C-alpha atoms as a PDB file:
ATOM      1  CA  MET A   1       0.000   0.000   0.000  1.00  0.00           C
ATOM      2  CA  LEU A   2       1.282   3.423  -0.927  1.00  0.00           C
ATOM      3  CA  LYS A   3       0.826   6.594   1.095  1.00  0.00           C
ATOM      4  CA  LYS A   4      -1.811   7.839  -1.370  1.00  0.00           C
ATOM      5  CA  ASP A   5      -3.742   4.597  -0.893  1.00  0.00           C
ATOM      6  CA  LEU A   6      -3.628   5.101   2.877  1.00  0.00           C
ATOM      7  CA  ILE A   7      -4.904   8.667   2.456  1.00  0.00           C
ATOM      8  CA  ASP A   8      -7.770   7.416   0.276  1.00  0.00           C
ATOM      9  CA  LYS A   9      -8.764   4.816   2.894  1.00  0.00           C
ATOM     10  CA  VAL A  10      -8.574   7.342   5.747  1.00  0.00           C
ATOM     11  CA  ALA A  11     -10.662   9.836   3.768  1.00  0.00           C
ATOM     12  CA  LYS A  12     -13.327   7.225   3.061  1.00  0.00           C
ATOM     13  CA  ALA A  13     -13.385   5.781   6.608  1.00  0.00           C
ATOM     14  CA  ALA A  14     -13.531   9.176   8.350  1.00  0.00           C
ATOM     15  CA  GLY A  15     -15.719  10.973   5.816  1.00  0.00           C
ATOM     16  CA  LEU A  16     -13.010  13.545   5.056  1.00  0.00           C
ATOM     17  CA  THR A  17     -11.798  15.118   1.866  1.00  0.00           C
ATOM     18  CA  LYS A  18      -8.549  13.763   0.484  1.00  0.00           C
ATOM     19  CA  LYS A  19      -6.831  17.044   1.445  1.00  0.00           C
ATOM     20  CA  GLN A  20      -8.023  16.756   5.050  1.00  0.00           C
ATOM     21  CA  ALA A  21      -7.029  13.090   5.204  1.00  0.00           C
ATOM     22  CA  ALA A  22      -3.594  13.893   3.737  1.00  0.00           C
ATOM     23  CA  ASP A  23      -3.102  16.589   6.391  1.00  0.00           C
ATOM     24  CA  ALA A  24      -4.135  14.130   9.110  1.00  0.00           C
ATOM     25  CA  VAL A  25      -1.820  11.360   7.869  1.00  0.00           C
ATOM     26  CA  ASP A  26       1.080  13.808   7.463  1.00  0.00           C
ATOM     27  CA  GLY A  27       0.379  15.140  10.962  1.00  0.00           C
ATOM     28  CA  VAL A  28       0.593  11.659  12.457  1.00  0.00           C
ATOM     29  CA  PHE A  29       3.842  10.882  10.630  1.00  0.00           C
ATOM     30  CA  ASP A  30       5.349  14.256  11.588  1.00  0.00           C
ATOM     31  CA  SER A  31       4.379  13.763  15.233  1.00  0.00           C
ATOM     32  CA  ILE A  32       5.980  10.321  15.345  1.00  0.00           C
ATOM     33  CA  THR A  33       9.118  11.669  13.649  1.00  0.00           C
ATOM     34  CA  GLN A  34       9.418  14.602  16.073  1.00  0.00           C
ATOM     35  CA  ALA A  35       8.957  12.312  19.089  1.00  0.00           C
ATOM     36  CA  LEU A  36      11.682   9.970  17.853  1.00  0.00           C
ATOM     37  CA  LYS A  37      14.006  12.919  17.117  1.00  0.00           C
ATOM     38  CA  SER A  38      13.635  14.100  20.707  1.00  0.00           C
ATOM     39  CA  GLY A  39      14.415  10.618  22.040  1.00  0.00           C
ATOM     40  CA  ASP A  40      10.869   9.669  23.044  1.00  0.00           C
ATOM     41  CA  SER A  41       9.125   6.489  22.029  1.00  0.00           C
ATOM     42  CA  VAL A  42       5.587   6.358  20.628  1.00  0.00           C
ATOM     43  CA  LEU A  43       3.293   3.650  21.995  1.00  0.00           C
ATOM     44  CA  LEU A  44       0.071   2.988  20.111  1.00  0.00           C
ATOM     45  CA  THR A  45      -1.719   0.485  22.329  1.00  0.00           C
ATOM     46  CA  GLY A  46      -2.793  -2.585  20.378  1.00  0.00           C
ATOM     47  CA  PHE A  47      -0.789  -1.498  17.326  1.00  0.00           C
ATOM     48  CA  GLY A  48       2.856  -1.217  18.309  1.00  0.00           C
ATOM     49  CA  LYS A  49       5.736   0.873  19.548  1.00  0.00           C
ATOM     50  CA  PHE A  50       8.063   3.149  17.603  1.00  0.00           C
ATOM     51  CA  GLU A  51      11.415   3.786  19.275  1.00  0.00           C
ATOM     52  CA  VAL A  52      15.003   4.773  18.616  1.00  0.00           C
ATOM     53  CA  ARG A  53      17.581   2.044  19.115  1.00  0.00           C
ATOM     54  CA  THR A  54      21.354   2.322  18.907  1.00  0.00           C
ATOM     55  CA  ARG A  55      23.504   0.127  16.702  1.00  0.00           C
ATOM     56  CA  ASP A  56      26.763  -0.540  18.565  1.00  0.00           C
ATOM     57  CA  ALA A  57      30.081   0.738  17.299  1.00  0.00           C
ATOM     58  CA  ARG A  58      31.881  -1.900  15.265  1.00  0.00           C
ATOM     59  CA  VAL A  59      34.736  -2.544  12.910  1.00  0.00           C
ATOM     60  CA  GLY A  60      33.825  -2.608   9.232  1.00  0.00           C
ATOM     61  CA  ILE A  61      35.784  -3.314   6.078  1.00  0.00           C
ATOM     62  CA  ASN A  62      36.054  -1.004   3.080  1.00  0.00           C
ATOM     63  CA  PRO A  63      35.218  -3.391   0.200  1.00  0.00           C
ATOM     64  CA  LYS A  64      37.432  -1.518  -2.258  1.00  0.00           C
ATOM     65  CA  THR A  65      40.649  -1.474  -0.240  1.00  0.00           C
ATOM     66  CA  LEU A  66      39.845  -4.198   2.318  1.00  0.00           C
ATOM     67  CA  GLU A  67      41.008  -1.703   4.934  1.00  0.00           C
ATOM     68  CA  ARG A  68      39.435  -2.017   8.393  1.00  0.00           C
ATOM     69  CA  ILE A  69      37.529   1.065   9.496  1.00  0.00           C
ATOM     70  CA  ASN A  70      35.848   1.930  12.778  1.00  0.00           C
ATOM     71  CA  LEU A  71      32.134   2.565  12.407  1.00  0.00           C
ATOM     72  CA  PRO A  72      30.606   4.680  15.199  1.00  0.00           C
ATOM     73  CA  ALA A  73      27.465   3.806  17.141  1.00  0.00           C
ATOM     74  CA  THR A  74      24.423   5.058  15.253  1.00  0.00           C
ATOM     75  CA  PRO A  75      20.794   5.550  16.247  1.00  0.00           C
ATOM     76  CA  TYR A  76      18.060   4.108  14.042  1.00  0.00           C
ATOM     77  CA  PRO A  77      14.258   4.004  14.170  1.00  0.00           C
ATOM     78  CA  ALA A  78      12.625   0.689  15.048  1.00  0.00           C
ATOM     79  CA  PHE A  79       9.071  -0.636  15.278  1.00  0.00           C
ATOM     80  CA  LYS A  80       7.805  -3.486  17.414  1.00  0.00           C
ATOM     81  CA  ALA A  81       4.325  -4.775  16.598  1.00  0.00           C
ATOM     82  CA  GLY A  82       1.808  -4.949  19.434  1.00  0.00           C
ATOM     83  CA  LYS A  83      -0.311  -7.947  20.350  1.00  0.00           C
ATOM     84  CA  GLY A  84      -3.398  -6.630  18.524  1.00  0.00           C
ATOM     85  CA  LEU A  85      -1.503  -6.167  15.260  1.00  0.00           C
ATOM     86  CA  LYS A  86       0.166  -9.547  15.573  1.00  0.00           C
ATOM     87  CA  MET A  87      -3.165 -11.262  16.104  1.00  0.00           C
ATOM     88  CA  ALA A  88      -4.757  -9.377  13.188  1.00  0.00           C
ATOM     89  CA  VAL A  89      -2.190 -10.653  10.698  1.00  0.00           C
ATOM     90  CA  LYS A  90      -2.077 -14.174  12.001  1.00  0.00           C
END
């Protein structure tokens, strides 16, 4: 499903125009993004949890030169499905 498909479904389900639904969907995505940027997690009960995890620092290899390089720890967004979502797709 593409974002435009999601907007269409939200518009139909909530009785909104596509513009209003697009604003609502964008607002949800922006809110989740801002929360993750500030280090907070977002828990949607029954759906899942968005959070920022940290990938540990490690040694990597440059494939061109085969030289070992140190890769720093990096944060990345993660999602863990909730029980309700897991049961819905089962």
